[in-house]
């Protein structure tokens, strides 16, 4: 049996897909298959994948563009591995990542395991997504811990943005899939769904996933439609799992929902400003005054950047 099925959703990824697939196929210590789910690309993505001519790579083409969650679900449906690992088409694995995660999951009896990420930005710099010592220690997360660390516009990086590996058997037993109604936050939702059903989640302090930022990334364009979809997904989660949640988990989920509702109102107000629709802007501000505080975020960010620059300028070389 294949150890890890690497699920790679792709849309117009002809320039990056080869690097992503190569990073998966070069993993040592585990057997790997790569399932590329082409989300109705209009470029040569399919030809580039076919040219690899590797039996470990399977190519699926979706008839219509359904978004990353739909593409991932299509790949998961045909996966044959014991574990499911997501690799986006413009990202890559570092050598040894998958074997390390499989070993961690086995040693700690986990159904979900994740590591930190390295971020490659548009300037070619690389940094850790979560600043920490990479000492290999494993942190076990409760559902309440996981929820509280993933509030919209939170001050610390949310672990919901990490790329976890799932036990395929657990996903199959509970018929779990990505929420296709959301285009942002789908990883967070799937982990939270699994944890509500009893999955044990651990994160190792190592970094083997390289995430590439670029101006076209969906996660950099939070639209009103995306924000509203995230709110509705939170409400559906509460309807499905509310009876299973303990008091702390329910409290944190309701707080998470409130931050999404405030965030959606903030995004709506930004769109009102762009459209010069000040009557609607005032209405949103009255209905959800807590959302108004988000307008201070760019100011705080600028102050923080200036503070860092001043400290750097004043330190010895």
Protein backbone atom coordinates (compact mmCIF):
# COMPACT_ATOMS: atom_id res chain seq x y z
CA UNK A 1 0.00 0.00 0.00
CA UNK A 2 1.10 3.56 -0.71
CA UNK A 3 2.16 5.38 2.45
CA UNK A 4 1.15 8.91 1.41
CA UNK A 5 -1.20 10.22 -1.26
CA UNK A 6 -0.15 13.76 -2.12
CA UNK A 7 -3.18 15.75 -3.22
CA UNK A 8 -2.31 18.65 -5.52
CA UNK A 9 -5.09 20.97 -6.71
CA UNK A 10 -3.94 22.92 -9.75
CA UNK A 11 -5.31 25.79 -11.77
CA UNK A 12 -3.20 27.32 -14.54
CA UNK A 13 -0.09 26.01 -12.83
CA UNK A 14 2.09 25.17 -15.84
CA UNK A 15 5.01 27.22 -14.47
CA UNK A 16 5.12 25.73 -10.97
CA UNK A 17 3.57 22.25 -11.07
CA UNK A 18 6.79 20.45 -12.05
CA UNK A 19 8.66 21.72 -9.00
CA UNK A 20 5.78 20.82 -6.69
CA UNK A 21 5.48 17.27 -8.02
CA UNK A 22 9.25 16.74 -8.02
CA UNK A 23 9.42 17.72 -4.35
CA UNK A 24 6.82 15.08 -3.53
CA UNK A 25 8.34 12.30 -5.63
CA UNK A 26 11.78 12.88 -4.14
CA UNK A 27 10.61 12.19 -0.57
CA UNK A 28 12.67 9.40 0.99
CA UNK A 29 11.55 6.85 3.55
CA UNK A 30 7.94 6.63 2.32
CA UNK A 31 6.13 5.46 -0.79
CA UNK A 32 4.25 8.27 -2.50
CA UNK A 33 1.62 8.84 -5.13
CA UNK A 34 0.78 12.30 -6.45
CA UNK A 35 -2.76 13.04 -7.59
CA UNK A 36 -3.03 16.25 -9.58
CA UNK A 37 -6.59 17.56 -9.68
CA UNK A 38 -6.69 20.08 -12.52
CA UNK A 39 -9.43 22.59 -11.73
CA UNK A 40 -10.33 23.24 -15.40
CA UNK A 41 -7.08 25.01 -16.27
CA UNK A 42 -6.90 27.01 -19.48
CA UNK A 43 -3.12 26.72 -19.83
CA UNK A 44 -0.79 23.76 -20.44
CA UNK A 45 -0.94 22.32 -16.91
CA UNK A 46 -2.20 18.95 -18.18
CA UNK A 47 0.52 18.68 -20.84
CA UNK A 48 3.23 19.52 -18.32
CA UNK A 49 2.02 16.80 -15.95
CA UNK A 50 1.73 14.25 -18.78
CA UNK A 51 5.26 15.02 -19.89
CA UNK A 52 6.59 13.81 -16.53
CA UNK A 53 5.58 10.27 -17.56
CA UNK A 54 5.85 8.87 -14.04
CA UNK A 55 3.53 6.03 -12.93
CA UNK A 56 3.40 7.53 -9.44
CA UNK A 57 1.62 10.60 -10.81
CA UNK A 58 -2.07 10.55 -11.67
CA UNK A 59 -3.88 13.36 -13.42
CA UNK A 60 -7.56 14.20 -12.95
CA UNK A 61 -9.24 17.03 -14.81
CA UNK A 62 -12.37 18.62 -13.38
CA UNK A 63 -14.98 19.52 -16.03
CA UNK A 64 -15.63 22.96 -14.50
CA UNK A 65 -13.71 25.20 -12.14
CA UNK A 66 -14.92 24.43 -8.62
CA UNK A 67 -12.21 25.96 -6.46
CA UNK A 68 -9.41 24.41 -4.38
CA UNK A 69 -11.71 22.46 -2.06
CA UNK A 70 -13.53 20.76 -4.92
CA UNK A 71 -10.23 19.85 -6.58
CA UNK A 72 -8.85 18.43 -3.35
CA UNK A 73 -11.99 16.38 -2.80
CA UNK A 74 -11.75 14.89 -6.28
CA UNK A 75 -8.19 13.81 -5.59
CA UNK A 76 -9.00 12.43 -2.14
CA UNK A 77 -11.78 10.31 -3.63
CA UNK A 78 -9.25 8.40 -5.72
CA UNK A 79 -6.40 8.33 -3.19
CA UNK A 80 -4.93 4.95 -2.27
CA UNK A 81 -2.52 5.98 0.47
CA UNK A 82 -2.68 5.50 4.23
CA UNK A 83 -2.19 9.23 4.65
CA UNK A 84 -3.46 12.26 2.75
CA UNK A 85 -1.09 15.22 2.39
CA UNK A 86 -2.02 18.42 0.58
CA UNK A 87 0.51 20.16 -1.65
CA UNK A 88 -0.62 23.23 -3.56
CA UNK A 89 0.70 23.55 -7.10
CA UNK A 90 2.91 26.56 -6.42
CA UNK A 91 4.39 25.20 -3.18
CA UNK A 92 6.88 22.44 -2.37
CA UNK A 93 8.00 19.93 0.26
CA UNK A 94 11.47 19.87 1.72
CA UNK A 95 13.21 16.49 1.71
CA UNK A 96 12.19 14.22 4.57
CA UNK A 97 8.97 16.04 5.43
CA UNK A 98 6.54 13.20 4.77
CA UNK A 99 8.61 10.50 6.48
CA UNK A 100 8.97 12.77 9.50
CA UNK A 101 5.23 13.42 9.73
CA UNK A 102 4.36 9.73 9.31
CA UNK A 103 6.80 8.81 12.09
CA UNK A 104 5.42 11.52 14.38
CA UNK A 105 1.85 10.39 13.79
CA UNK A 106 2.76 6.77 14.47
CA UNK A 107 4.77 7.52 17.60
CA UNK A 108 2.03 9.74 19.09
CA UNK A 109 -1.10 7.93 17.82
CA UNK A 110 -2.36 10.90 15.80
CA UNK A 111 -5.00 11.09 13.08
CA UNK A 112 -3.87 14.59 12.07
CA UNK A 113 -0.30 15.83 12.08
CA UNK A 114 1.17 19.10 10.86
CA UNK A 115 4.41 21.05 10.92
CA UNK A 116 5.35 24.70 10.59
CA UNK A 117 5.72 26.37 7.20
CA UNK A 118 8.45 28.33 5.52
CA UNK A 119 7.15 31.34 3.60
CA UNK A 120 8.82 32.36 0.34
CA UNK A 121 7.71 35.91 -0.37
CA UNK A 122 7.75 37.86 -3.62
CA UNK A 123 11.16 39.36 -2.75
CA UNK A 124 12.82 35.96 -2.50
CA UNK A 125 13.12 36.05 1.29
CA UNK A 126 12.21 33.01 3.38
CA UNK A 127 10.82 33.10 6.91
CA UNK A 128 8.98 30.85 9.34
CA UNK A 129 5.22 31.23 9.40
CA UNK A 130 5.19 30.68 13.19
CA UNK A 131 8.32 32.00 14.87
CA UNK A 132 9.61 29.22 17.12
CA UNK A 133 12.57 26.99 17.81
CA UNK A 134 12.56 24.03 15.43
CA UNK A 135 13.46 21.44 18.03
CA UNK A 136 11.17 18.64 16.86
CA UNK A 137 8.90 18.81 19.91
CA UNK A 138 5.26 17.83 19.42
CA UNK A 139 2.40 19.96 20.71
CA UNK A 140 -0.96 18.30 21.20
CA UNK A 141 -3.88 20.59 20.41
CA UNK A 142 -7.32 20.36 21.93
CA UNK A 143 -10.22 21.53 19.81
CA UNK A 144 -10.63 24.60 22.03
CA UNK A 145 -6.92 25.46 21.61
CA UNK A 146 -7.19 25.04 17.87
CA UNK A 147 -10.25 27.28 17.58
CA UNK A 148 -8.90 30.11 19.72
CA UNK A 149 -5.69 30.22 17.67
CA UNK A 150 -7.54 30.77 14.41
CA UNK A 151 -9.62 33.90 14.84
CA UNK A 152 -9.90 36.17 11.82
CA UNK A 153 -7.46 39.10 11.97
CA UNK A 154 -5.88 37.58 15.06
CA UNK A 155 -2.53 38.87 16.29
CA UNK A 156 -0.73 35.54 15.98
CA UNK A 157 -0.41 33.28 12.93
CA UNK A 158 -3.28 30.82 12.85
CA UNK A 159 -2.43 27.13 12.77
CA UNK A 160 -5.44 26.70 10.49
CA UNK A 161 -3.23 27.96 7.65
CA UNK A 162 -0.80 25.07 8.04
CA UNK A 163 -0.93 22.07 5.69
CA UNK A 164 -1.82 19.03 7.83
CA UNK A 165 -1.59 15.37 6.91
CA UNK A 166 -4.71 13.26 7.60
CA UNK A 167 -5.16 9.56 8.25
CA UNK A 168 -7.08 8.46 5.15
CA UNK A 169 -9.03 5.84 7.09
CA UNK A 170 -10.38 8.44 9.49
CA UNK A 171 -11.58 10.66 6.64
CA UNK A 172 -13.23 7.69 4.96
CA UNK A 173 -14.96 6.39 8.10
CA UNK A 174 -16.52 9.76 8.79
CA UNK A 175 -17.09 10.76 5.14
CA UNK A 176 -15.11 13.95 5.71
CA UNK A 177 -14.24 16.25 2.83
CA UNK A 178 -13.31 19.88 2.28
CA UNK A 179 -16.15 22.41 2.36
CA UNK A 180 -16.60 23.43 -1.29
CA UNK A 181 -18.60 26.53 -0.38
CA UNK A 182 -15.47 28.20 1.05
CA UNK A 183 -12.37 29.32 -0.82
CA UNK A 184 -10.50 30.53 2.27
CA UNK A 185 -10.15 28.63 5.54
CA UNK A 186 -11.00 25.19 4.17
CA UNK A 187 -8.01 23.55 5.92
CA UNK A 188 -9.10 24.98 9.27
CA UNK A 189 -12.64 23.70 8.79
CA UNK A 190 -11.63 20.16 7.86
CA UNK A 191 -9.32 19.88 10.88
CA UNK A 192 -12.04 21.24 13.16
CA UNK A 193 -14.58 18.79 11.69
CA UNK A 194 -12.24 15.86 12.31
CA UNK A 195 -11.40 16.97 15.85
CA UNK A 196 -15.09 17.29 16.72
CA UNK A 197 -15.39 13.64 15.71
CA UNK A 198 -12.49 12.55 17.90
CA UNK A 199 -9.37 12.96 15.77
CA UNK A 200 -6.17 13.60 17.72
CA UNK A 201 -4.07 16.45 16.34
CA UNK A 202 -0.41 17.12 16.98
CA UNK A 203 1.93 19.71 15.51
CA UNK A 204 5.64 19.10 15.38
CA UNK A 205 8.06 22.00 15.68
CA UNK A 206 9.73 21.41 12.34
CA UNK A 207 9.27 23.10 8.96
CA UNK A 208 9.05 21.01 5.81
CA UNK A 209 6.38 22.79 3.77
CA UNK A 210 7.38 25.80 1.65
CA UNK A 211 4.53 28.18 0.88
CA UNK A 212 4.97 30.65 -1.96
CA UNK A 213 3.23 34.01 -1.73
CA UNK A 214 2.25 35.96 -4.81
CA UNK A 215 -0.16 38.75 -5.62
CA UNK A 216 -2.67 36.38 -7.22
CA UNK A 217 -3.12 34.14 -4.19
CA UNK A 218 -6.76 33.72 -3.16
CA UNK A 219 -5.79 34.18 0.48
CA UNK A 220 -4.59 37.72 -0.28
CA UNK A 221 -7.96 38.85 -1.61
CA UNK A 222 -10.60 38.51 1.09
CA UNK A 223 -13.79 39.58 -0.68
CA UNK A 224 -17.22 40.08 0.81
CA UNK A 225 -18.35 36.85 -0.82
CA UNK A 226 -15.44 34.93 0.74
CA UNK A 227 -16.06 36.46 4.16
CA UNK A 228 -19.79 35.68 4.04
CA UNK A 229 -19.01 32.09 3.01
CA UNK A 230 -16.73 31.70 6.03
CA UNK A 231 -19.51 32.94 8.32
CA UNK A 232 -22.01 30.47 6.87
CA UNK A 233 -19.49 27.62 7.17
CA UNK A 234 -19.05 28.40 10.87
CA UNK A 235 -22.80 28.35 11.36
CA UNK A 236 -23.13 25.01 9.56
CA UNK A 237 -20.38 23.58 11.75
CA UNK A 238 -22.21 24.67 14.88
CA UNK A 239 -25.44 23.10 13.62
CA UNK A 240 -23.67 19.78 12.91
CA UNK A 241 -21.41 19.54 15.93
CA UNK A 242 -22.84 21.88 18.55
CA UNK A 243 -24.24 18.99 20.61
CA UNK A 244 -20.79 17.30 20.67
CA UNK A 245 -18.87 20.35 21.86
CA UNK A 246 -18.10 20.83 25.51
CA UNK A 247 -18.65 24.20 27.18
CA UNK A 248 -15.15 25.53 26.40
CA UNK A 249 -15.26 24.38 22.78
CA UNK A 250 -18.70 25.89 22.22
CA UNK A 251 -17.66 29.19 23.80
CA UNK A 252 -14.57 29.40 21.59
CA UNK A 253 -16.52 28.49 18.45
CA UNK A 254 -19.09 31.20 19.17
CA UNK A 255 -16.24 33.68 19.67
CA UNK A 256 -14.70 32.49 16.39
CA UNK A 257 -18.02 33.02 14.64
CA UNK A 258 -18.30 36.53 16.08
CA UNK A 259 -14.87 37.49 14.75
CA UNK A 260 -15.91 36.22 11.31
CA UNK A 261 -19.15 38.20 11.44
CA UNK A 262 -17.23 41.33 12.44
CA UNK A 263 -14.68 40.64 9.70
CA UNK A 264 -17.39 40.20 7.09
CA UNK A 265 -18.92 43.53 8.12
CA UNK A 266 -15.50 45.18 7.93
CA UNK A 267 -14.96 43.85 4.41
CA UNK A 268 -18.43 45.09 3.46
CA UNK A 269 -17.62 48.54 4.86
CA UNK A 270 -14.39 48.67 2.85
CA UNK A 271 -16.38 47.91 -0.29
CA UNK A 272 -18.87 50.64 0.65
CA UNK A 273 -16.02 53.15 0.93
CA UNK A 274 -14.68 52.14 -2.49
CA UNK A 275 -18.16 52.52 -3.96
CA UNK A 276 -18.71 55.81 -2.06
CA UNK A 277 -21.85 54.30 -0.60
CA UNK A 278 -21.72 56.13 2.70
CA UNK A 279 -25.32 55.40 3.68
CA UNK A 280 -24.63 51.66 3.64
CA UNK A 281 -21.32 52.25 5.39
CA UNK A 282 -23.10 54.01 8.25
CA UNK A 283 -25.66 51.22 8.47
CA UNK A 284 -22.96 48.53 8.80
CA UNK A 285 -21.12 50.62 11.40
CA UNK A 286 -24.28 50.95 13.51
CA UNK A 287 -25.20 47.27 13.18
CA UNK A 288 -21.72 45.94 14.08
CA UNK A 289 -19.67 48.65 15.82
CA UNK A 290 -17.02 46.08 16.80
CA UNK A 291 -16.10 45.76 13.11
CA UNK A 292 -15.07 49.42 12.96
CA UNK A 293 -11.98 48.73 15.07
CA UNK A 294 -10.45 46.79 12.18
CA UNK A 295 -9.80 50.08 10.39
CA UNK A 296 -7.01 50.67 12.92
CA UNK A 297 -5.10 47.58 11.75
CA UNK A 298 -3.13 49.22 8.90
CA UNK A 299 -2.08 51.99 11.30
CA UNK A 300 -0.90 49.48 13.91
CA UNK A 301 0.94 47.53 11.22
CA UNK A 302 2.75 50.64 9.98
CA UNK A 303 3.77 51.58 13.53
CA UNK A 304 5.06 48.04 14.12
CA UNK A 305 7.09 48.13 10.89
CA UNK A 306 8.55 51.53 11.75
CA UNK A 307 9.45 50.30 15.23
CA UNK A 308 11.23 47.28 13.80
CA UNK A 309 13.09 49.44 11.27
CA UNK A 310 14.18 51.88 13.99
CA UNK A 311 15.44 49.04 16.16
CA UNK A 312 17.35 47.56 13.22
CA UNK A 313 18.86 50.91 12.25
CA UNK A 314 20.05 51.49 15.80
CA UNK A 315 21.66 48.08 16.30
CA UNK A 316 25.31 47.30 15.53
CA UNK A 317 26.07 45.63 12.22
